[in-house]
Protein backbone atom coordinates (compact mmCIF):
# COMPACT_ATOMS: atom_id res chain seq x y z
CA UNK A 1 38.21 12.37 -35.89
CA UNK A 2 40.75 13.65 -33.43
CA UNK A 3 40.03 13.61 -29.69
CA UNK A 4 41.98 15.52 -27.10
CA UNK A 5 41.53 16.10 -23.38
CA UNK A 6 43.34 18.24 -20.82
CA UNK A 7 43.03 19.93 -17.44
CA UNK A 8 43.34 23.71 -17.10
CA UNK A 9 43.32 26.42 -14.46
CA UNK A 10 45.46 27.32 -11.49
CA UNK A 11 44.43 24.14 -9.66
CA UNK A 12 44.08 22.05 -12.86
CA UNK A 13 40.55 21.27 -11.75
CA UNK A 14 38.64 21.96 -14.98
CA UNK A 15 38.65 19.30 -17.70
CA UNK A 16 38.22 20.14 -21.39
CA UNK A 17 37.54 17.44 -23.97
CA UNK A 18 37.79 18.33 -27.66
CA UNK A 19 36.48 16.47 -30.68
CA UNK A 20 37.74 17.72 -34.06
CA UNK A 21 37.02 16.98 -37.71
CA UNK A 22 34.03 14.63 -37.56
CA UNK A 23 33.48 12.89 -40.88
CA UNK A 24 32.38 9.27 -40.66
CA UNK A 25 29.44 7.30 -39.32
CA UNK A 26 31.76 5.97 -36.62
CA UNK A 27 32.63 9.56 -35.65
CA UNK A 28 28.93 10.34 -35.48
CA UNK A 29 28.35 7.45 -33.07
CA UNK A 30 31.27 8.53 -30.88
CA UNK A 31 29.93 12.09 -30.77
CA UNK A 32 26.45 10.82 -29.88
CA UNK A 33 27.93 8.77 -27.03
CA UNK A 34 29.90 11.78 -25.78
CA UNK A 35 26.84 14.04 -25.90
CA UNK A 36 24.79 11.46 -23.99
CA UNK A 37 27.58 11.23 -21.41
CA UNK A 38 27.36 15.02 -21.07
CA UNK A 39 23.72 14.57 -20.09
CA UNK A 40 21.93 15.82 -23.20
CA UNK A 41 18.51 14.35 -23.86
CA UNK A 42 17.90 12.17 -26.92
CA UNK A 43 16.32 14.98 -28.98
CA UNK A 44 19.24 17.36 -28.27
CA UNK A 45 21.77 14.62 -29.08
CA UNK A 46 20.16 13.96 -32.48
CA UNK A 47 19.80 17.66 -33.30
CA UNK A 48 23.36 18.52 -32.26
CA UNK A 49 24.88 15.53 -34.04
CA UNK A 50 23.01 16.39 -37.25
CA UNK A 51 24.43 19.91 -37.06
CA UNK A 52 27.95 18.65 -36.38
CA UNK A 53 27.90 16.33 -39.37
CA UNK A 54 27.62 19.43 -41.59
CA UNK A 55 30.84 21.28 -42.42
CA UNK A 56 31.90 24.43 -40.58
CA UNK A 57 29.93 23.96 -37.39
CA UNK A 58 30.69 23.54 -33.72
CA UNK A 59 29.11 23.05 -30.33
CA UNK A 60 30.30 23.57 -26.78
CA UNK A 61 28.77 21.93 -23.72
CA UNK A 62 29.72 22.82 -20.15
CA UNK A 63 28.80 21.16 -16.88
CA UNK A 64 29.40 23.59 -14.03
CA UNK A 65 28.75 20.85 -11.49
CA UNK A 66 31.49 18.63 -12.94
CA UNK A 67 33.85 21.46 -13.97
CA UNK A 68 33.86 20.01 -17.46
CA UNK A 69 33.58 21.41 -20.98
CA UNK A 70 33.30 19.52 -24.25
CA UNK A 71 34.09 21.17 -27.57
CA UNK A 72 32.83 19.59 -30.78
CA UNK A 73 34.15 20.88 -34.11
CA UNK A 74 32.94 19.48 -37.42
CA UNK A 75 34.83 18.93 -40.63
CA UNK A 76 35.69 22.25 -42.30
CA UNK A 77 35.83 23.44 -45.87
CA UNK A 78 39.18 25.19 -45.39
CA UNK A 79 41.97 25.69 -42.88
CA UNK A 80 40.73 29.24 -42.28
CA UNK A 81 37.23 27.98 -41.54
CA UNK A 82 38.59 25.35 -39.14
CA UNK A 83 40.59 28.02 -37.31
CA UNK A 84 37.51 30.26 -37.17
CA UNK A 85 35.37 27.50 -35.66
CA UNK A 86 38.03 26.57 -33.11
CA UNK A 87 38.29 30.21 -32.00
CA UNK A 88 34.50 30.55 -31.82
CA UNK A 89 34.10 27.49 -29.58
CA UNK A 90 37.15 28.46 -27.50
CA UNK A 91 35.42 31.75 -26.68
CA UNK A 92 32.39 29.88 -25.34
CA UNK A 93 34.56 27.75 -23.05
CA UNK A 94 36.36 30.81 -21.69
CA UNK A 95 33.01 32.51 -21.04
CA UNK A 96 31.67 29.45 -19.21
CA UNK A 97 34.74 29.02 -17.02
CA UNK A 98 34.91 32.76 -16.32
CA UNK A 99 31.26 32.71 -15.28
CA UNK A 100 31.84 29.79 -12.91
CA UNK A 101 34.83 31.46 -11.21
CA UNK A 102 33.22 34.93 -11.32
CA UNK A 103 36.00 36.32 -13.49
CA UNK A 104 35.16 39.17 -15.82
CA UNK A 105 35.41 37.98 -19.42
CA UNK A 106 37.10 41.34 -20.12
CA UNK A 107 39.82 40.75 -17.54
CA UNK A 108 43.46 39.85 -17.94
CA UNK A 109 42.76 36.64 -16.02
CA UNK A 110 40.23 35.58 -18.69
CA UNK A 111 42.75 36.42 -21.41
CA UNK A 112 45.36 34.19 -19.75
CA UNK A 113 42.76 31.43 -19.45
CA UNK A 114 42.05 31.71 -23.16
CA UNK A 115 45.76 31.50 -23.90
CA UNK A 116 46.14 28.43 -21.70
CA UNK A 117 43.30 26.62 -23.46
CA UNK A 118 44.60 27.69 -26.89
CA UNK A 119 48.07 26.30 -26.07
CA UNK A 120 46.52 23.00 -25.02
CA UNK A 121 44.42 22.85 -28.20
CA UNK A 122 47.31 23.81 -30.46
CA UNK A 123 48.77 20.37 -31.26
CA UNK A 124 45.45 19.06 -32.58
CA UNK A 125 44.45 22.35 -34.17
CA UNK A 126 47.80 22.62 -35.97
CA UNK A 127 47.22 19.27 -37.61
CA UNK A 128 43.99 20.60 -39.09
CA UNK A 129 45.02 24.10 -40.13
CA UNK A 130 48.66 23.68 -41.16
CA UNK A 131 49.49 20.89 -43.61
CA UNK A 132 53.24 21.60 -43.24
CA UNK A 133 52.97 21.27 -39.44
CA UNK A 134 50.85 18.14 -39.62
CA UNK A 135 53.39 15.32 -39.46
CA UNK A 136 55.87 17.08 -37.19
CA UNK A 137 53.19 18.22 -34.73
CA UNK A 138 51.33 14.94 -34.79
CA UNK A 139 54.44 12.97 -33.81
CA UNK A 140 55.06 15.36 -30.92
CA UNK A 141 51.42 15.30 -29.79
CA UNK A 142 50.90 11.56 -30.12
């Protein structure tokens, strides 16, 4: 599993944590711990983790009070599917942050926000969707 965290926004006051490519029992335990830290109840943690251990699934959690979003992306069956899931969860984060700051999700400001988050996610995402980029990007990102 790959983990990645970064701050975004004009004031760099919103933190995004990403978990990609969950496969192992150890990954499952780390995801459960992260979901509990987000404040999910035990039932929701079990249900969400079970979903995330299946291929081609994702989940986004946002805490408006903490200005924090967590993106969870499971193992995928193809690079295209991984890219699709990343884009799907990215949209949820942009919607949540736009809602908090009362920015129209149809606005240019929301589009720039999406681009900023996508740029931050790129190093990890590239490792999962581009085998040729993998080693070169990983060295740069690490």
